[in-house]
Amino acid sequence: KQRGIPVVAVVGSTGEGFEAVHDHGIDAVFSLVDGATTLEEAMRRTAPLVERVTERACRTMTADAE
């Protein structure tokens, strides 16, 4: 952040009050899961979930830079 580089957090899921991270230099938060799921299901689907959230984060950050 101090070097002008956007800081993105990729998290398993967000909870109440997660927005407080913005006060600590996090520019954007992206959750791996976007709905109710079990830990086992999320772990089983880790690779496609990470791929999807990475694409979403990159598209968002690229759109913000334009």
Protein backbone atom coordinates (compact mmCIF):
# COMPACT_ATOMS: atom_id res chain seq x y z
CA LYS A 1 0.00 0.00 0.00
CA GLN A 2 2.84 2.39 0.86
CA ARG A 3 4.21 1.90 -2.66
CA GLY A 4 0.95 2.76 -4.36
CA ILE A 5 0.06 -0.85 -5.11
CA PRO A 6 -3.55 -1.88 -4.45
CA VAL A 7 -3.93 -4.36 -1.59
CA VAL A 8 -6.49 -7.13 -2.06
CA ALA A 9 -7.60 -9.69 0.51
CA VAL A 10 -8.91 -13.05 -0.64
CA VAL A 11 -10.81 -14.67 2.21
CA GLY A 12 -12.82 -17.81 2.75
CA SER A 13 -15.90 -15.79 3.60
CA THR A 14 -16.75 -12.40 5.04
CA GLY A 15 -18.51 -11.76 8.28
CA GLU A 16 -20.20 -8.86 9.96
CA GLY A 17 -17.92 -5.85 10.21
CA PHE A 18 -15.37 -7.08 7.68
CA GLU A 19 -15.33 -3.61 6.14
CA ALA A 20 -13.12 -2.47 9.03
CA VAL A 21 -10.14 -3.90 7.13
CA HIS A 22 -10.36 -0.88 4.82
CA ASP A 23 -9.16 1.22 7.76
CA HIS A 24 -5.94 -0.83 7.71
CA GLY A 25 -5.01 -0.38 4.06
CA ILE A 26 -6.98 -3.14 2.38
CA ASP A 27 -8.52 -1.79 -0.82
CA ALA A 28 -10.83 -4.69 -1.67
CA VAL A 29 -12.02 -7.95 -0.13
CA PHE A 30 -13.04 -10.94 -2.22
CA SER A 31 -14.67 -14.02 -0.75
CA LEU A 32 -13.99 -17.50 -2.12
CA VAL A 33 -17.57 -18.55 -1.46
CA ASP A 34 -20.57 -16.42 -2.33
CA GLY A 35 -23.24 -18.39 -0.56
CA ALA A 36 -23.90 -20.99 2.07
CA THR A 37 -21.60 -23.98 1.77
CA THR A 38 -19.92 -26.45 4.05
CA LEU A 39 -16.24 -26.35 4.84
CA GLU A 40 -15.87 -29.74 3.20
CA GLU A 41 -17.50 -28.51 -0.03
CA ALA A 42 -15.36 -25.38 -0.10
CA MET A 43 -12.21 -27.44 0.44
CA ARG A 44 -13.23 -29.88 -2.29
CA ARG A 45 -13.75 -26.99 -4.72
CA THR A 46 -10.71 -24.93 -3.70
CA ALA A 47 -9.06 -24.77 -7.14
CA PRO A 48 -12.10 -23.54 -9.11
CA LEU A 49 -13.06 -21.16 -6.30
CA VAL A 50 -9.59 -19.60 -6.26
CA GLU A 51 -9.60 -19.36 -10.05
CA ARG A 52 -12.98 -17.63 -10.05
CA VAL A 53 -12.16 -15.15 -7.29
CA THR A 54 -8.78 -14.33 -8.86
CA GLU A 55 -10.44 -13.51 -12.17
CA ARG A 56 -13.08 -11.41 -10.41
CA ALA A 57 -10.44 -9.51 -8.41
CA CYS A 58 -8.28 -8.87 -11.48
CA ARG A 59 -11.24 -7.65 -13.53
CA THR A 60 -12.34 -5.35 -10.72
CA MET A 61 -8.89 -3.91 -10.13
CA THR A 62 -8.31 -3.44 -13.87
CA ALA A 63 -11.65 -1.67 -14.28
CA ASP A 64 -10.82 0.64 -11.36
CA ALA A 65 -7.48 1.56 -12.99
CA GLU A 66 -9.05 2.65 -16.28
